[in-house]
């Protein structure tokens, strides 16, 4: 099952973050709830629902949701995850470790041997190849 981190943005700029395994169902729930932060946003006007990121486990999705709520301006109430046992610094370490594992994998350039983040290697290859061939 895939879990999705999502945002709901109102016309006046308010942003709500949440996570769910079924985005269509969750968006319908927001519309049908009689109370709640998103319901209040919907009552004021149009809102945009946007899927931000997918996760393999609910724990990763909840951890990321909590960090986003603490890091960015939003209308969410303070995340219950952060109130439990983790201080913000420790939580940031966990999140960064997870993000580094996924987005900052390192690779080695076959032309010059420099080690860098995988996602930057393609750009580096072209420059390095030209420099090493001259």
N, C-alpha and C. Protein backbone atom coordinates (compact mmCIF):
# COMPACT_ATOMS: atom_id res chain seq x y z
N UNK A 1 0.84 -1.18 0.00
CA UNK A 1 0.00 0.00 0.00
C UNK A 1 0.89 1.25 0.00
N UNK A 2 0.55 2.23 -0.81
CA UNK A 2 1.30 3.47 -0.89
C UNK A 2 0.58 4.56 -0.10
N UNK A 3 1.35 5.33 0.64
CA UNK A 3 0.81 6.44 1.41
C UNK A 3 1.27 7.74 0.76
N UNK A 4 0.39 8.73 0.75
CA UNK A 4 0.66 9.97 0.05
C UNK A 4 0.60 11.16 1.00
N UNK A 5 1.60 12.01 0.92
CA UNK A 5 1.59 13.30 1.61
C UNK A 5 0.90 14.27 0.66
N UNK A 6 -0.09 15.04 1.15
CA UNK A 6 -0.82 15.95 0.29
C UNK A 6 -0.96 17.31 0.94
N UNK A 7 -1.34 18.30 0.12
CA UNK A 7 -1.62 19.63 0.65
C UNK A 7 -2.96 20.09 0.11
N UNK A 8 -3.62 20.94 0.89
CA UNK A 8 -4.84 21.61 0.46
C UNK A 8 -4.55 23.10 0.62
N UNK A 9 -4.66 23.84 -0.49
CA UNK A 9 -4.35 25.27 -0.47
C UNK A 9 -5.62 26.05 -0.79
N UNK A 10 -5.91 27.04 0.05
CA UNK A 10 -7.10 27.87 -0.16
C UNK A 10 -6.75 29.08 -1.01
N UNK A 11 -7.78 29.76 -1.48
CA UNK A 11 -7.58 30.95 -2.31
C UNK A 11 -6.83 32.05 -1.56
N UNK A 12 -7.01 32.10 -0.24
CA UNK A 12 -6.35 33.16 0.54
C UNK A 12 -4.93 32.77 0.98
N UNK A 13 -4.44 31.62 0.50
CA UNK A 13 -3.05 31.23 0.76
C UNK A 13 -2.85 30.29 1.93
N UNK A 14 -3.89 29.93 2.64
CA UNK A 14 -3.76 28.96 3.74
C UNK A 14 -3.43 27.58 3.19
N UNK A 15 -2.53 26.87 3.87
CA UNK A 15 -2.13 25.53 3.42
C UNK A 15 -2.32 24.54 4.56
N UNK A 16 -2.91 23.40 4.23
CA UNK A 16 -3.08 22.29 5.16
C UNK A 16 -2.32 21.10 4.60
N UNK A 17 -1.59 20.38 5.47
CA UNK A 17 -0.86 19.18 5.05
C UNK A 17 -1.47 17.96 5.72
N UNK A 18 -1.52 16.85 4.99
CA UNK A 18 -2.02 15.60 5.53
C UNK A 18 -1.40 14.43 4.79
N UNK A 19 -1.70 13.23 5.28
CA UNK A 19 -1.23 12.02 4.61
C UNK A 19 -2.33 10.98 4.65
N UNK A 20 -2.39 10.16 3.62
CA UNK A 20 -3.44 9.16 3.51
C UNK A 20 -3.00 8.06 2.54
N UNK A 21 -3.71 6.94 2.56
CA UNK A 21 -3.43 5.88 1.59
C UNK A 21 -4.40 5.95 0.42
N UNK A 22 -5.49 6.72 0.55
CA UNK A 22 -6.49 6.85 -0.52
C UNK A 22 -6.84 8.33 -0.68
N UNK A 23 -6.20 9.01 -1.63
CA UNK A 23 -6.37 10.45 -1.76
C UNK A 23 -7.79 10.86 -2.16
N UNK A 24 -8.41 10.11 -3.06
CA UNK A 24 -9.77 10.45 -3.49
C UNK A 24 -10.75 10.37 -2.31
N UNK A 25 -10.64 9.29 -1.57
CA UNK A 25 -11.52 9.11 -0.41
C UNK A 25 -11.28 10.20 0.64
N UNK A 26 -10.01 10.55 0.86
CA UNK A 26 -9.68 11.55 1.88
C UNK A 26 -10.21 12.92 1.46
N UNK A 27 -10.11 13.26 0.18
CA UNK A 27 -10.60 14.54 -0.31
C UNK A 27 -12.12 14.62 -0.14
N UNK A 28 -12.81 13.50 -0.40
CA UNK A 28 -14.26 13.45 -0.19
C UNK A 28 -14.60 13.62 1.29
N UNK A 29 -13.80 13.00 2.16
CA UNK A 29 -14.04 13.15 3.60
C UNK A 29 -13.90 14.60 4.02
N UNK A 30 -12.90 15.29 3.49
CA UNK A 30 -12.74 16.71 3.82
C UNK A 30 -13.98 17.50 3.40
N UNK A 31 -14.57 17.15 2.27
CA UNK A 31 -15.76 17.85 1.79
C UNK A 31 -16.98 17.54 2.65
N UNK A 32 -17.09 16.32 3.17
CA UNK A 32 -18.28 15.91 3.90
C UNK A 32 -18.21 16.16 5.40
N UNK A 33 -17.01 16.41 5.93
CA UNK A 33 -16.90 16.71 7.37
C UNK A 33 -17.66 17.99 7.68
N UNK A 34 -18.31 18.00 8.82
CA UNK A 34 -19.05 19.18 9.23
C UNK A 34 -18.14 20.18 9.93
N UNK A 35 -17.02 19.70 10.45
CA UNK A 35 -16.08 20.56 11.17
C UNK A 35 -14.67 20.25 10.69
N UNK A 36 -13.72 21.04 11.13
CA UNK A 36 -12.33 20.79 10.80
C UNK A 36 -11.69 21.95 10.07
N UNK A 37 -10.38 21.92 10.04
CA UNK A 37 -9.62 23.00 9.43
C UNK A 37 -9.89 23.10 7.93
N UNK A 38 -9.87 21.98 7.24
CA UNK A 38 -10.08 21.99 5.79
C UNK A 38 -11.52 22.38 5.48
N UNK A 39 -12.46 21.89 6.28
CA UNK A 39 -13.87 22.26 6.08
C UNK A 39 -14.03 23.78 6.15
N UNK A 40 -13.37 24.40 7.12
CA UNK A 40 -13.43 25.86 7.26
C UNK A 40 -12.82 26.54 6.03
N UNK A 41 -11.74 25.98 5.50
CA UNK A 41 -11.12 26.53 4.30
C UNK A 41 -12.07 26.40 3.10
N UNK A 42 -12.73 25.25 2.99
CA UNK A 42 -13.66 25.01 1.88
C UNK A 42 -14.86 25.94 1.96
N UNK A 43 -15.31 26.25 3.17
CA UNK A 43 -16.46 27.14 3.35
C UNK A 43 -16.14 28.56 2.88
N UNK A 44 -14.88 28.93 2.91
CA UNK A 44 -14.47 30.29 2.49
C UNK A 44 -14.32 30.41 0.98
N UNK A 45 -14.16 29.30 0.27
CA UNK A 45 -14.00 29.36 -1.19
C UNK A 45 -13.33 28.13 -1.74
N UNK A 46 -12.84 28.24 -2.97
CA UNK A 46 -12.19 27.12 -3.64
C UNK A 46 -10.88 26.75 -2.96
N UNK A 47 -10.57 25.46 -3.01
CA UNK A 47 -9.31 24.94 -2.50
C UNK A 47 -8.72 23.98 -3.52
N UNK A 48 -7.39 23.93 -3.54
CA UNK A 48 -6.70 23.02 -4.46
C UNK A 48 -6.08 21.87 -3.66
N UNK A 49 -6.36 20.66 -4.09
CA UNK A 49 -5.81 19.45 -3.48
C UNK A 49 -4.64 19.00 -4.33
N UNK A 50 -3.46 18.81 -3.71
CA UNK A 50 -2.27 18.44 -4.48
C UNK A 50 -1.53 17.31 -3.78
N UNK A 51 -1.21 16.26 -4.53
CA UNK A 51 -0.38 15.17 -4.01
C UNK A 51 1.07 15.62 -4.07
N UNK A 52 1.79 15.52 -2.94
CA UNK A 52 3.16 16.01 -2.88
C UNK A 52 4.21 14.92 -3.01
N UNK A 53 4.00 13.79 -2.31
CA UNK A 53 5.02 12.74 -2.31
C UNK A 53 4.40 11.42 -1.87
N UNK A 54 4.92 10.32 -2.42
CA UNK A 54 4.44 8.99 -2.05
C UNK A 54 5.46 8.26 -1.20
N UNK A 55 4.97 7.42 -0.29
CA UNK A 55 5.81 6.66 0.64
C UNK A 55 5.36 5.21 0.68
N UNK A 56 6.29 4.32 0.98
CA UNK A 56 5.97 2.90 1.07
C UNK A 56 5.30 2.54 2.39
N UNK A 57 5.60 3.28 3.45
CA UNK A 57 5.02 2.96 4.76
C UNK A 57 4.31 4.18 5.35
N UNK A 58 3.35 3.92 6.21
CA UNK A 58 2.64 4.99 6.87
C UNK A 58 3.56 5.75 7.82
N UNK A 59 4.49 5.05 8.43
CA UNK A 59 5.43 5.70 9.35
C UNK A 59 6.23 6.79 8.64
N UNK A 60 6.73 6.49 7.44
CA UNK A 60 7.49 7.50 6.68
C UNK A 60 6.59 8.68 6.32
N UNK A 61 5.37 8.39 5.92
CA UNK A 61 4.44 9.46 5.54
C UNK A 61 4.10 10.33 6.74
N UNK A 62 3.84 9.71 7.89
CA UNK A 62 3.51 10.47 9.10
C UNK A 62 4.69 11.30 9.59
N UNK A 63 5.87 10.73 9.52
CA UNK A 63 7.08 11.43 9.94
C UNK A 63 7.31 12.66 9.06
N UNK A 64 7.15 12.50 7.77
CA UNK A 64 7.34 13.60 6.84
C UNK A 64 6.25 14.65 7.03
N UNK A 65 5.02 14.21 7.23
CA UNK A 65 3.92 15.14 7.47
C UNK A 65 4.21 15.99 8.70
N UNK A 66 4.65 15.36 9.76
CA UNK A 66 4.94 16.08 11.00
C UNK A 66 6.05 17.10 10.80
N UNK A 67 7.08 16.73 10.07
CA UNK A 67 8.18 17.65 9.82
C UNK A 67 7.73 18.83 8.96
N UNK A 68 6.92 18.57 7.95
CA UNK A 68 6.42 19.63 7.08
C UNK A 68 5.56 20.60 7.89
N UNK A 69 4.73 20.08 8.78
CA UNK A 69 3.87 20.92 9.62
C UNK A 69 4.72 21.82 10.52
N UNK A 70 5.81 21.27 11.04
CA UNK A 70 6.68 22.05 11.91
C UNK A 70 7.55 23.04 11.14
N UNK A 71 7.87 22.74 9.89
CA UNK A 71 8.82 23.53 9.12
C UNK A 71 8.18 24.66 8.34
N UNK A 72 7.02 24.41 7.74
CA UNK A 72 6.41 25.38 6.84
C UNK A 72 5.18 26.02 7.48
N UNK A 73 4.88 27.27 7.09
CA UNK A 73 3.66 27.91 7.60
C UNK A 73 2.44 27.14 7.10
N UNK A 74 1.54 26.82 8.00
CA UNK A 74 0.34 26.09 7.61
C UNK A 74 -0.75 26.30 8.65
N UNK A 75 -1.95 25.83 8.33
CA UNK A 75 -3.09 25.98 9.22
C UNK A 75 -3.28 24.75 10.12
N UNK A 76 -2.45 23.75 9.96
CA UNK A 76 -2.56 22.53 10.77
C UNK A 76 -2.34 22.85 12.24
N UNK A 77 -2.99 22.06 13.06
CA UNK A 77 -2.64 22.09 14.48
C UNK A 77 -1.33 21.34 14.62
N UNK A 78 -0.61 21.58 15.68
CA UNK A 78 0.68 20.93 15.90
C UNK A 78 0.52 19.41 15.77
N UNK A 79 1.43 18.77 15.09
CA UNK A 79 1.34 17.34 14.85
C UNK A 79 1.49 16.55 16.15
N UNK A 80 0.63 15.58 16.34
CA UNK A 80 0.71 14.73 17.54
C UNK A 80 1.97 13.89 17.54
N UNK A 81 2.54 13.64 16.38
CA UNK A 81 3.77 12.86 16.31
C UNK A 81 4.92 13.54 17.05
N UNK A 82 5.01 14.85 16.90
CA UNK A 82 6.12 15.56 17.52
C UNK A 82 5.92 15.72 19.02
N UNK A 83 4.69 15.62 19.49
CA UNK A 83 4.42 15.78 20.92
C UNK A 83 4.74 14.52 21.71
N UNK A 84 4.87 13.40 21.03
CA UNK A 84 5.04 12.13 21.72
C UNK A 84 6.42 11.99 22.36
N UNK A 85 7.43 11.74 21.57
CA UNK A 85 8.71 11.42 22.18
C UNK A 85 9.91 12.11 21.56
N UNK A 86 9.75 12.59 20.36
CA UNK A 86 10.90 13.13 19.65
C UNK A 86 11.00 14.64 19.81
N UNK A 87 12.20 15.11 20.12
CA UNK A 87 12.36 16.56 20.05
C UNK A 87 12.64 16.91 18.59
N UNK A 88 12.52 18.18 18.27
CA UNK A 88 12.60 18.61 16.87
C UNK A 88 13.95 18.27 16.24
N UNK A 89 15.02 18.41 16.99
CA UNK A 89 16.35 18.15 16.47
C UNK A 89 16.51 16.66 16.11
N UNK A 90 16.08 15.79 17.02
CA UNK A 90 16.17 14.35 16.80
C UNK A 90 15.30 13.94 15.61
N UNK A 91 14.13 14.53 15.53
CA UNK A 91 13.21 14.25 14.44
C UNK A 91 13.82 14.65 13.11
N UNK A 92 14.46 15.83 13.08
CA UNK A 92 15.12 16.30 11.87
C UNK A 92 16.20 15.35 11.41
N UNK A 93 16.94 14.77 12.35
CA UNK A 93 17.99 13.80 12.00
C UNK A 93 17.38 12.58 11.34
N UNK A 94 16.28 12.08 11.90
CA UNK A 94 15.61 10.91 11.33
C UNK A 94 15.13 11.21 9.91
N UNK A 95 14.51 12.36 9.75
CA UNK A 95 13.97 12.73 8.45
C UNK A 95 15.10 12.91 7.44
N UNK A 96 16.15 13.63 7.82
CA UNK A 96 17.27 13.85 6.91
C UNK A 96 17.91 12.53 6.51
N UNK A 97 18.03 11.61 7.47
CA UNK A 97 18.59 10.30 7.17
C UNK A 97 17.77 9.58 6.12
N UNK A 98 16.47 9.64 6.25
CA UNK A 98 15.57 9.00 5.28
C UNK A 98 15.70 9.69 3.92
N UNK A 99 15.68 11.03 3.91
CA UNK A 99 15.75 11.77 2.65
C UNK A 99 17.10 11.54 1.96
N UNK A 100 18.18 11.53 2.74
CA UNK A 100 19.50 11.31 2.17
C UNK A 100 19.59 9.94 1.51
N UNK A 101 18.99 8.97 2.16
CA UNK A 101 19.01 7.60 1.65
C UNK A 101 18.35 7.52 0.28
N UNK A 102 17.30 8.27 0.09
CA UNK A 102 16.54 8.21 -1.15
C UNK A 102 17.03 9.19 -2.21
N UNK A 103 17.24 10.45 -1.81
CA UNK A 103 17.53 11.49 -2.79
C UNK A 103 19.00 11.84 -2.93
N UNK A 104 19.83 11.44 -1.98
CA UNK A 104 21.22 11.84 -2.04
C UNK A 104 22.18 10.67 -2.15
N UNK A 105 21.76 9.63 -2.88
CA UNK A 105 22.65 8.50 -3.12
C UNK A 105 23.85 9.01 -3.90
N UNK A 106 25.00 8.47 -3.60
CA UNK A 106 26.23 8.94 -4.25
C UNK A 106 26.67 7.99 -5.34
N UNK A 107 27.28 8.57 -6.36
CA UNK A 107 27.83 7.80 -7.47
C UNK A 107 29.20 8.35 -7.83
N UNK A 108 29.91 7.63 -8.69
CA UNK A 108 31.27 8.02 -9.07
C UNK A 108 31.35 8.26 -10.57
N UNK A 109 31.98 9.37 -10.95
CA UNK A 109 32.16 9.70 -12.36
C UNK A 109 33.19 8.76 -12.96
N UNK A 110 32.86 8.09 -14.08
CA UNK A 110 33.81 7.16 -14.71
C UNK A 110 34.98 7.87 -15.39
N UNK A 111 34.85 9.16 -15.67
CA UNK A 111 35.90 9.92 -16.37
C UNK A 111 36.96 10.45 -15.42
N UNK A 112 36.55 11.01 -14.27
CA UNK A 112 37.53 11.63 -13.38
C UNK A 112 37.56 11.04 -11.98
N UNK A 113 36.56 10.18 -11.66
CA UNK A 113 36.54 9.52 -10.37
C UNK A 113 35.95 10.33 -9.23
N UNK A 114 35.46 11.53 -9.51
CA UNK A 114 34.87 12.35 -8.45
C UNK A 114 33.57 11.70 -7.97
N UNK A 115 33.33 11.75 -6.66
CA UNK A 115 32.12 11.19 -6.06
C UNK A 115 31.15 12.32 -5.80
N UNK A 116 29.90 12.14 -6.24
CA UNK A 116 28.88 13.17 -6.01
C UNK A 116 27.50 12.54 -5.98
N UNK A 117 26.51 13.34 -5.67
CA UNK A 117 25.12 12.88 -5.61
C UNK A 117 24.70 12.41 -7.00
N UNK A 118 24.07 11.24 -7.05
CA UNK A 118 23.64 10.63 -8.32
C UNK A 118 22.91 11.59 -9.24
N UNK A 119 21.98 12.35 -8.67
CA UNK A 119 21.15 13.19 -9.53
C UNK A 119 21.95 14.29 -10.23
N UNK A 120 23.18 14.59 -9.76
CA UNK A 120 24.03 15.60 -10.40
C UNK A 120 25.04 15.00 -11.37
N UNK A 121 25.17 13.68 -11.36
CA UNK A 121 26.20 13.04 -12.19
C UNK A 121 25.99 13.26 -13.69
N UNK A 122 24.77 13.15 -14.20
CA UNK A 122 24.54 13.31 -15.64
C UNK A 122 25.02 14.66 -16.13
N UNK A 123 24.74 15.70 -15.37
CA UNK A 123 25.18 17.04 -15.74
C UNK A 123 26.71 17.11 -15.71
N UNK A 124 27.31 16.46 -14.73
CA UNK A 124 28.76 16.46 -14.58
C UNK A 124 29.44 15.68 -15.71
N UNK A 125 28.85 14.57 -16.14
CA UNK A 125 29.45 13.72 -17.19
C UNK A 125 29.82 14.55 -18.42
N UNK A 126 28.88 15.36 -18.90
CA UNK A 126 29.12 16.13 -20.12
C UNK A 126 30.30 17.07 -19.97
N UNK A 127 30.34 17.81 -18.88
CA UNK A 127 31.44 18.75 -18.65
C UNK A 127 32.76 18.00 -18.50
N UNK A 128 32.73 16.95 -17.73
CA UNK A 128 33.95 16.18 -17.43
C UNK A 128 34.50 15.52 -18.69
N UNK A 129 33.61 14.98 -19.50
CA UNK A 129 34.00 14.29 -20.73
C UNK A 129 34.70 15.27 -21.68
N UNK A 130 34.14 16.47 -21.81
CA UNK A 130 34.73 17.50 -22.68
C UNK A 130 36.10 17.91 -22.15
N UNK A 131 36.20 18.13 -20.82
CA UNK A 131 37.46 18.57 -20.22
C UNK A 131 38.54 17.50 -20.35
N UNK A 132 38.17 16.23 -20.18
CA UNK A 132 39.15 15.15 -20.22
C UNK A 132 39.56 14.76 -21.65
N UNK A 133 38.74 15.11 -22.62
CA UNK A 133 39.06 14.79 -24.02
C UNK A 133 39.95 15.86 -24.67
N UNK A 134 40.06 17.01 -24.05
CA UNK A 134 40.88 18.07 -24.66
C UNK A 134 42.31 18.02 -24.20
